[in-house]
PDB file of all heavy atoms in Angstrom:
ATOM      1  N   LYS A   1     121.295  27.335  -0.595  1.00  0.00           N
ATOM      2  CA  LYS A   1     120.329  28.033   0.224  1.00  0.00           C
ATOM      3  C   LYS A   1     118.863  27.688  -0.358  1.00  0.00           C
ATOM      4  O   LYS A   1     118.690  27.337  -1.494  1.00  0.00           O
ATOM      5  CB  LYS A   1     120.463  29.538   0.181  1.00  0.00           C
ATOM      6  CG  LYS A   1     121.851  29.986   0.829  1.00  0.00           C
ATOM      7  CD  LYS A   1     121.869  31.450   0.684  1.00  0.00           C
ATOM      8  CE  LYS A   1     123.189  31.941   1.451  1.00  0.00           C
ATOM      9  NZ  LYS A   1     123.273  33.447   1.391  1.00  0.00           N
ATOM     10  N   ASN A   2     117.905  27.633   0.663  1.00  0.00           N
ATOM     11  CA  ASN A   2     116.672  27.390   0.251  1.00  0.00           C
ATOM     12  C   ASN A   2     115.908  28.540  -0.548  1.00  0.00           C
ATOM     13  O   ASN A   2     114.764  28.334  -1.041  1.00  0.00           O
ATOM     14  CB  ASN A   2     115.798  26.981   1.380  1.00  0.00           C
ATOM     15  CG  ASN A   2     116.219  25.587   2.022  1.00  0.00           C
ATOM     16  OD1 ASN A   2     116.745  24.627   1.308  1.00  0.00           O
ATOM     17  ND2 ASN A   2     116.104  25.367   3.375  1.00  0.00           N
ATOM     18  N   ASP A   3     116.412  29.767  -0.248  1.00  0.00           N
ATOM     19  CA  ASP A   3     115.693  30.910  -0.757  1.00  0.00           C
ATOM     20  C   ASP A   3     116.486  31.714  -1.723  1.00  0.00           C
ATOM     21  O   ASP A   3     116.273  32.873  -2.240  1.00  0.00           O
ATOM     22  CB  ASP A   3     115.310  31.790   0.263  1.00  0.00           C
ATOM     23  CG  ASP A   3     116.421  32.413   1.034  1.00  0.00           C
ATOM     24  OD1 ASP A   3     117.597  32.017   0.959  1.00  0.00           O
ATOM     25  OD2 ASP A   3     116.169  33.342   1.915  1.00  0.00           O
ATOM     26  N   GLU A   4     117.701  31.126  -2.294  1.00  0.00           N
ATOM     27  CA  GLU A   4     118.544  31.793  -3.259  1.00  0.00           C
ATOM     28  C   GLU A   4     119.309  30.695  -4.080  1.00  0.00           C
ATOM     29  O   GLU A   4     119.770  29.725  -3.583  1.00  0.00           O
ATOM     30  CB  GLU A   4     119.480  32.650  -2.494  1.00  0.00           C
ATOM     31  CG  GLU A   4     120.370  33.546  -3.563  1.00  0.00           C
ATOM     32  CD  GLU A   4     121.232  34.488  -2.845  1.00  0.00           C
ATOM     33  OE1 GLU A   4     121.289  34.449  -1.557  1.00  0.00           O
ATOM     34  OE2 GLU A   4     121.994  35.251  -3.479  1.00  0.00           O
ATOM     35  N   ASP A   5     119.235  30.910  -5.424  1.00  0.00           N
ATOM     36  CA  ASP A   5     119.913  30.011  -6.374  1.00  0.00           C
ATOM     37  C   ASP A   5     120.974  30.749  -7.012  1.00  0.00           C
ATOM     38  O   ASP A   5     120.853  31.865  -7.276  1.00  0.00           O
ATOM     39  CB  ASP A   5     118.858  29.469  -7.364  1.00  0.00           C
ATOM     40  CG  ASP A   5     117.639  28.619  -6.642  1.00  0.00           C
ATOM     41  OD1 ASP A   5     118.016  27.981  -5.634  1.00  0.00           O
ATOM     42  OD2 ASP A   5     116.660  28.574  -7.252  1.00  0.00           O
ATOM     43  N   ALA A   6     122.012  29.988  -7.461  1.00  0.00           N
ATOM     44  CA  ALA A   6     123.184  30.608  -8.183  1.00  0.00           C
ATOM     45  C   ALA A   6     123.308  29.717  -9.399  1.00  0.00           C
ATOM     46  O   ALA A   6     123.599  28.510  -9.419  1.00  0.00           O
ATOM     47  CB  ALA A   6     124.300  30.629  -7.344  1.00  0.00           C
ATOM     48  N   PHE A   7     123.416  30.290 -10.619  1.00  0.00           N
ATOM     49  CA  PHE A   7     123.761  29.661 -11.795  1.00  0.00           C
ATOM     50  C   PHE A   7     124.836  30.413 -12.455  1.00  0.00           C
ATOM     51  O   PHE A   7     125.055  31.572 -12.375  1.00  0.00           O
ATOM     52  CB  PHE A   7     122.439  29.768 -12.788  1.00  0.00           C
ATOM     53  CG  PHE A   7     121.213  29.105 -12.046  1.00  0.00           C
ATOM     54  CD1 PHE A   7     120.199  29.913 -11.554  1.00  0.00           C
ATOM     55  CD2 PHE A   7     121.065  27.661 -11.986  1.00  0.00           C
ATOM     56  CE1 PHE A   7     119.069  29.272 -11.069  1.00  0.00           C
ATOM     57  CE2 PHE A   7     120.008  27.209 -11.376  1.00  0.00           C
ATOM     58  CZ  PHE A   7     119.003  27.962 -10.912  1.00  0.00           C
ATOM     59  N   TYR A   8     125.580  29.558 -13.365  1.00  0.00           N
ATOM     60  CA  TYR A   8     126.737  30.259 -14.074  1.00  0.00           C
ATOM     61  C   TYR A   8     126.556  29.849 -15.494  1.00  0.00           C
ATOM     62  O   TYR A   8     126.330  28.598 -15.794  1.00  0.00           O
ATOM     63  CB  TYR A   8     128.032  29.670 -13.483  1.00  0.00           C
ATOM     64  CG  TYR A   8     129.283  30.202 -14.220  1.00  0.00           C
ATOM     65  CD1 TYR A   8     129.743  31.416 -13.778  1.00  0.00           C
ATOM     66  CD2 TYR A   8     129.828  29.445 -15.172  1.00  0.00           C
ATOM     67  CE1 TYR A   8     131.048  31.891 -14.347  1.00  0.00           C
ATOM     68  CE2 TYR A   8     131.085  29.951 -15.834  1.00  0.00           C
ATOM     69  CZ  TYR A   8     131.551  31.133 -15.312  1.00  0.00           C
ATOM     70  OH  TYR A   8     132.631  31.601 -15.958  1.00  0.00           O
ATOM     71  N   THR A   9     126.693  30.767 -16.456  1.00  0.00           N
ATOM     72  CA  THR A   9     126.792  30.474 -17.866  1.00  0.00           C
ATOM     73  C   THR A   9     128.127  31.078 -18.468  1.00  0.00           C
ATOM     74  O   THR A   9     128.632  32.029 -18.045  1.00  0.00           O
ATOM     75  CB  THR A   9     125.494  30.984 -18.535  1.00  0.00           C
ATOM     76  OG1 THR A   9     125.616  32.419 -18.647  1.00  0.00           O
ATOM     77  CG2 THR A   9     124.357  30.450 -17.983  1.00  0.00           C
ATOM     78  N   THR A  10     128.592  30.447 -19.624  1.00  0.00           N
ATOM     79  CA  THR A  10     129.722  30.856 -20.142  1.00  0.00           C
ATOM     80  C   THR A  10     129.720  32.163 -20.946  1.00  0.00           C
ATOM     81  O   THR A  10     130.709  32.757 -21.133  1.00  0.00           O
ATOM     82  CB  THR A  10     130.360  29.731 -21.102  1.00  0.00           C
ATOM     83  OG1 THR A  10     129.368  29.453 -22.199  1.00  0.00           O
ATOM     84  CG2 THR A  10     130.644  28.471 -20.277  1.00  0.00           C
ATOM     85  N   ARG A  11     128.464  32.582 -21.374  1.00  0.00           N
ATOM     86  CA  ARG A  11     128.356  33.715 -22.037  1.00  0.00           C
ATOM     87  C   ARG A  11     126.852  34.007 -22.215  1.00  0.00           C
ATOM     88  O   ARG A  11     125.938  33.270 -21.883  1.00  0.00           O
ATOM     89  CB  ARG A  11     128.953  33.741 -23.417  1.00  0.00           C
ATOM     90  CG  ARG A  11     128.490  32.784 -24.453  1.00  0.00           C
ATOM     91  CD  ARG A  11     129.287  32.873 -25.718  1.00  0.00           C
ATOM     92  NE  ARG A  11     128.786  31.814 -26.680  1.00  0.00           N
ATOM     93  CZ  ARG A  11     128.689  32.079 -27.884  1.00  0.00           C
ATOM     94  NH1 ARG A  11     128.960  33.161 -28.445  1.00  0.00           N
ATOM     95  NH2 ARG A  11     128.358  31.048 -28.845  1.00  0.00           N
ATOM     96  N   PHE A  12     126.466  35.191 -22.741  1.00  0.00           N
ATOM     97  CA  PHE A  12     125.021  35.654 -22.833  1.00  0.00           C
ATOM     98  C   PHE A  12     124.266  34.689 -23.567  1.00  0.00           C
ATOM     99  O   PHE A  12     123.109  34.424 -23.238  1.00  0.00           O
ATOM    100  CB  PHE A  12     125.035  37.027 -23.497  1.00  0.00           C
ATOM    101  CG  PHE A  12     123.513  37.494 -23.601  1.00  0.00           C
ATOM    102  CD1 PHE A  12     122.832  38.009 -22.510  1.00  0.00           C
ATOM    103  CD2 PHE A  12     123.044  37.619 -24.930  1.00  0.00           C
ATOM    104  CE1 PHE A  12     121.630  38.512 -22.808  1.00  0.00           C
ATOM    105  CE2 PHE A  12     121.767  38.121 -25.154  1.00  0.00           C
ATOM    106  CZ  PHE A  12     120.952  38.512 -23.874  1.00  0.00           C
ATOM    107  N   ALA A  13     124.770  34.162 -24.735  1.00  0.00           N
ATOM    108  CA  ALA A  13     123.909  33.107 -25.530  1.00  0.00           C
ATOM    109  C   ALA A  13     123.527  32.020 -24.821  1.00  0.00           C
ATOM    110  O   ALA A  13     122.415  31.505 -24.921  1.00  0.00           O
ATOM    111  CB  ALA A  13     124.746  32.824 -26.788  1.00  0.00           C
ATOM    112  N   GLU A  14     124.442  31.553 -23.868  1.00  0.00           N
ATOM    113  CA  GLU A  14     123.960  30.324 -23.065  1.00  0.00           C
ATOM    114  C   GLU A  14     122.995  30.753 -22.144  1.00  0.00           C
ATOM    115  O   GLU A  14     122.018  29.869 -21.766  1.00  0.00           O
ATOM    116  CB  GLU A  14     125.237  29.720 -22.383  1.00  0.00           C
ATOM    117  CG  GLU A  14     124.965  28.452 -21.602  1.00  0.00           C
ATOM    118  CD  GLU A  14     126.154  27.969 -20.805  1.00  0.00           C
ATOM    119  OE1 GLU A  14     127.261  28.504 -20.971  1.00  0.00           O
ATOM    120  OE2 GLU A  14     125.959  27.067 -20.120  1.00  0.00           O
ATOM    121  N   LEU A  15     123.132  31.825 -21.440  1.00  0.00           N
ATOM    122  CA  LEU A  15     122.121  32.425 -20.552  1.00  0.00           C
ATOM    123  C   LEU A  15     120.636  32.350 -21.172  1.00  0.00           C
ATOM    124  O   LEU A  15     119.695  31.859 -20.673  1.00  0.00           O
ATOM    125  CB  LEU A  15     122.392  33.828 -20.034  1.00  0.00           C
ATOM    126  CG  LEU A  15     121.454  34.427 -18.928  1.00  0.00           C
ATOM    127  CD1 LEU A  15     121.679  33.538 -17.727  1.00  0.00           C
ATOM    128  CD2 LEU A  15     121.876  35.809 -18.843  1.00  0.00           C
ATOM    129  N   VAL A  16     120.623  32.964 -22.426  1.00  0.00           N
ATOM    130  CA  VAL A  16     119.334  33.031 -23.258  1.00  0.00           C
ATOM    131  C   VAL A  16     118.824  31.495 -23.523  1.00  0.00           C
ATOM    132  O   VAL A  16     117.716  31.209 -23.591  1.00  0.00           O
ATOM    133  CB  VAL A  16     119.598  33.821 -24.435  1.00  0.00           C
ATOM    134  CG1 VAL A  16     118.298  33.687 -25.424  1.00  0.00           C
ATOM    135  CG2 VAL A  16     119.773  35.182 -24.142  1.00  0.00           C
ATOM    136  N   ASP A  17     119.718  30.595 -23.719  1.00  0.00           N
ATOM    137  CA  ASP A  17     119.472  29.219 -23.998  1.00  0.00           C
ATOM    138  C   ASP A  17     118.999  28.438 -22.755  1.00  0.00           C
ATOM    139  O   ASP A  17     118.847  27.310 -23.104  1.00  0.00           O
ATOM    140  CB  ASP A  17     120.731  28.712 -24.693  1.00  0.00           C
ATOM    141  CG  ASP A  17     120.496  27.391 -25.274  1.00  0.00           C
ATOM    142  OD1 ASP A  17     119.499  27.219 -26.092  1.00  0.00           O
ATOM    143  OD2 ASP A  17     121.256  26.444 -25.113  1.00  0.00           O
ATOM    144  N   SER A  18     118.800  28.974 -21.604  1.00  0.00           N
ATOM    145  CA  SER A  18     118.715  28.196 -20.549  1.00  0.00           C
ATOM    146  C   SER A  18     117.389  28.746 -19.605  1.00  0.00           C
ATOM    147  O   SER A  18     117.609  29.478 -18.654  1.00  0.00           O
ATOM    148  CB  SER A  18     119.959  28.356 -19.584  1.00  0.00           C
ATOM    149  OG  SER A  18     121.067  27.872 -20.279  1.00  0.00           O
ATOM    150  N   PRO A  19     116.303  28.378 -20.109  1.00  0.00           N
ATOM    151  CA  PRO A  19     115.023  28.820 -19.267  1.00  0.00           C
ATOM    152  C   PRO A  19     114.922  28.301 -17.949  1.00  0.00           C
ATOM    153  O   PRO A  19     115.539  27.126 -17.687  1.00  0.00           O
ATOM    154  CB  PRO A  19     113.885  28.379 -20.099  1.00  0.00           C
ATOM    155  CG  PRO A  19     114.406  27.287 -20.933  1.00  0.00           C
ATOM    156  CD  PRO A  19     115.855  27.553 -21.260  1.00  0.00           C
ATOM    157  N   ILE A  20     114.362  28.861 -17.058  1.00  0.00           N
ATOM    158  CA  ILE A  20     114.078  28.499 -15.572  1.00  0.00           C
ATOM    159  C   ILE A  20     112.764  28.746 -15.180  1.00  0.00           C
ATOM    160  O   ILE A  20     112.286  29.883 -15.618  1.00  0.00           O
ATOM    161  CB  ILE A  20     115.114  29.363 -14.574  1.00  0.00           C
ATOM    162  CG1 ILE A  20     116.538  29.213 -15.085  1.00  0.00           C
ATOM    163  CG2 ILE A  20     114.859  28.631 -13.163  1.00  0.00           C
ATOM    164  CD1 ILE A  20     117.580  30.033 -14.295  1.00  0.00           C
ATOM    165  N   MET A  21     112.134  27.770 -14.605  1.00  0.00           N
ATOM    166  CA  MET A  21     110.687  28.063 -14.161  1.00  0.00           C
ATOM    167  C   MET A  21     110.577  27.774 -12.597  1.00  0.00           C
ATOM    168  O   MET A  21     111.204  26.739 -12.079  1.00  0.00           O
ATOM    169  CB  MET A  21     109.760  27.092 -14.781  1.00  0.00           C
ATOM    170  CG  MET A  21     108.304  27.367 -14.365  1.00  0.00           C
ATOM    171  SD  MET A  21     107.057  26.481 -15.363  1.00  0.00           S
ATOM    172  CE  MET A  21     107.281  24.822 -14.791  1.00  0.00           C
ATOM    173  N   TYR A  22     110.092  28.720 -11.866  1.00  0.00           N
ATOM    174  CA  TYR A  22     109.902  28.729 -10.494  1.00  0.00           C
ATOM    175  C   TYR A  22     108.354  28.430 -10.119  1.00  0.00           C
ATOM    176  O   TYR A  22     107.546  29.118 -10.729  1.00  0.00           O
ATOM    177  CB  TYR A  22     110.301  29.968  -9.623  1.00  0.00           C
ATOM    178  CG  TYR A  22     111.810  30.023  -9.584  1.00  0.00           C
ATOM    179  CD1 TYR A  22     112.554  30.647 -10.490  1.00  0.00           C
ATOM    180  CD2 TYR A  22     112.358  29.559  -8.317  1.00  0.00           C
ATOM    181  CE1 TYR A  22     113.992  30.862 -10.353  1.00  0.00           C
ATOM    182  CE2 TYR A  22     113.797  29.520  -8.265  1.00  0.00           C
ATOM    183  CZ  TYR A  22     114.585  30.277  -9.190  1.00  0.00           C
ATOM    184  OH  TYR A  22     115.940  30.399  -9.040  1.00  0.00           O
ATOM    185  N   ALA A  23     108.144  27.427  -9.433  1.00  0.00           N
ATOM    186  CA  ALA A  23     106.749  27.013  -9.029  1.00  0.00           C
ATOM    187  C   ALA A  23     106.786  26.070  -7.880  1.00  0.00           C
ATOM    188  O   ALA A  23     107.851  25.618  -7.456  1.00  0.00           O
ATOM    189  CB  ALA A  23     106.099  26.263 -10.245  1.00  0.00           C
ATOM    190  N   ALA A  24     105.596  25.815  -7.221  1.00  0.00           N
ATOM    191  CA  ALA A  24     105.515  24.655  -6.327  1.00  0.00           C
ATOM    192  C   ALA A  24     106.016  23.439  -6.860  1.00  0.00           C
ATOM    193  O   ALA A  24     105.657  23.177  -8.069  1.00  0.00           O
ATOM    194  CB  ALA A  24     104.099  24.584  -5.728  1.00  0.00           C
ATOM    195  N   PRO A  25     106.812  22.660  -6.218  1.00  0.00           N
ATOM    196  CA  PRO A  25     107.502  21.459  -6.746  1.00  0.00           C
ATOM    197  C   PRO A  25     106.532  20.511  -7.294  1.00  0.00           C
ATOM    198  O   PRO A  25     105.756  19.954  -6.401  1.00  0.00           O
ATOM    199  CB  PRO A  25     108.329  20.912  -5.599  1.00  0.00           C
ATOM    200  CG  PRO A  25     107.719  21.508  -4.396  1.00  0.00           C
ATOM    201  CD  PRO A  25     107.140  22.736  -4.759  1.00  0.00           C
ATOM    202  N   ASP A  26     106.507  20.344  -8.556  1.00  0.00           N
ATOM    203  CA  ASP A  26     105.823  19.145  -9.255  1.00  0.00           C
ATOM    204  C   ASP A  26     106.844  18.648 -10.327  1.00  0.00           C
ATOM    205  O   ASP A  26     106.725  18.916 -11.478  1.00  0.00           O
ATOM    206  CB  ASP A  26     104.598  19.596  -9.885  1.00  0.00           C
ATOM    207  CG  ASP A  26     103.722  18.316 -10.516  1.00  0.00           C
ATOM    208  OD1 ASP A  26     104.244  17.274 -10.383  1.00  0.00           O
ATOM    209  OD2 ASP A  26     102.795  18.636 -11.049  1.00  0.00           O
ATOM    210  N   MET A  27     107.767  17.733  -9.922  1.00  0.00           N
ATOM    211  CA  MET A  27     108.890  17.432 -10.772  1.00  0.00           C
ATOM    212  C   MET A  27     109.064  15.919 -10.692  1.00  0.00           C
ATOM    213  O   MET A  27     109.046  15.282  -9.698  1.00  0.00           O
ATOM    214  CB  MET A  27     110.177  18.059 -10.493  1.00  0.00           C
ATOM    215  CG  MET A  27     110.226  19.539 -10.814  1.00  0.00           C
ATOM    216  SD  MET A  27     111.788  20.352 -10.307  1.00  0.00           S
ATOM    217  CE  MET A  27     111.555  20.666  -8.598  1.00  0.00           C
ATOM    218  N   SER A  28     109.331  15.223 -11.868  1.00  0.00           N
ATOM    219  CA  SER A  28     109.582  13.823 -11.853  1.00  0.00           C
ATOM    220  C   SER A  28     110.869  13.707 -12.855  1.00  0.00           C
ATOM    221  O   SER A  28     110.917  14.557 -13.808  1.00  0.00           O
ATOM    222  CB  SER A  28     108.387  13.062 -12.407  1.00  0.00           C
ATOM    223  OG  SER A  28     107.357  13.223 -11.483  1.00  0.00           O
TER     224      SER A  28
END
């Protein structure tokens, strides 16, 4: 979906270890 993302991690520590940034796309 364009307005919803889904992520999966094996435990809490992996979740903390995985930052996410949302912004207007500027990626290479």
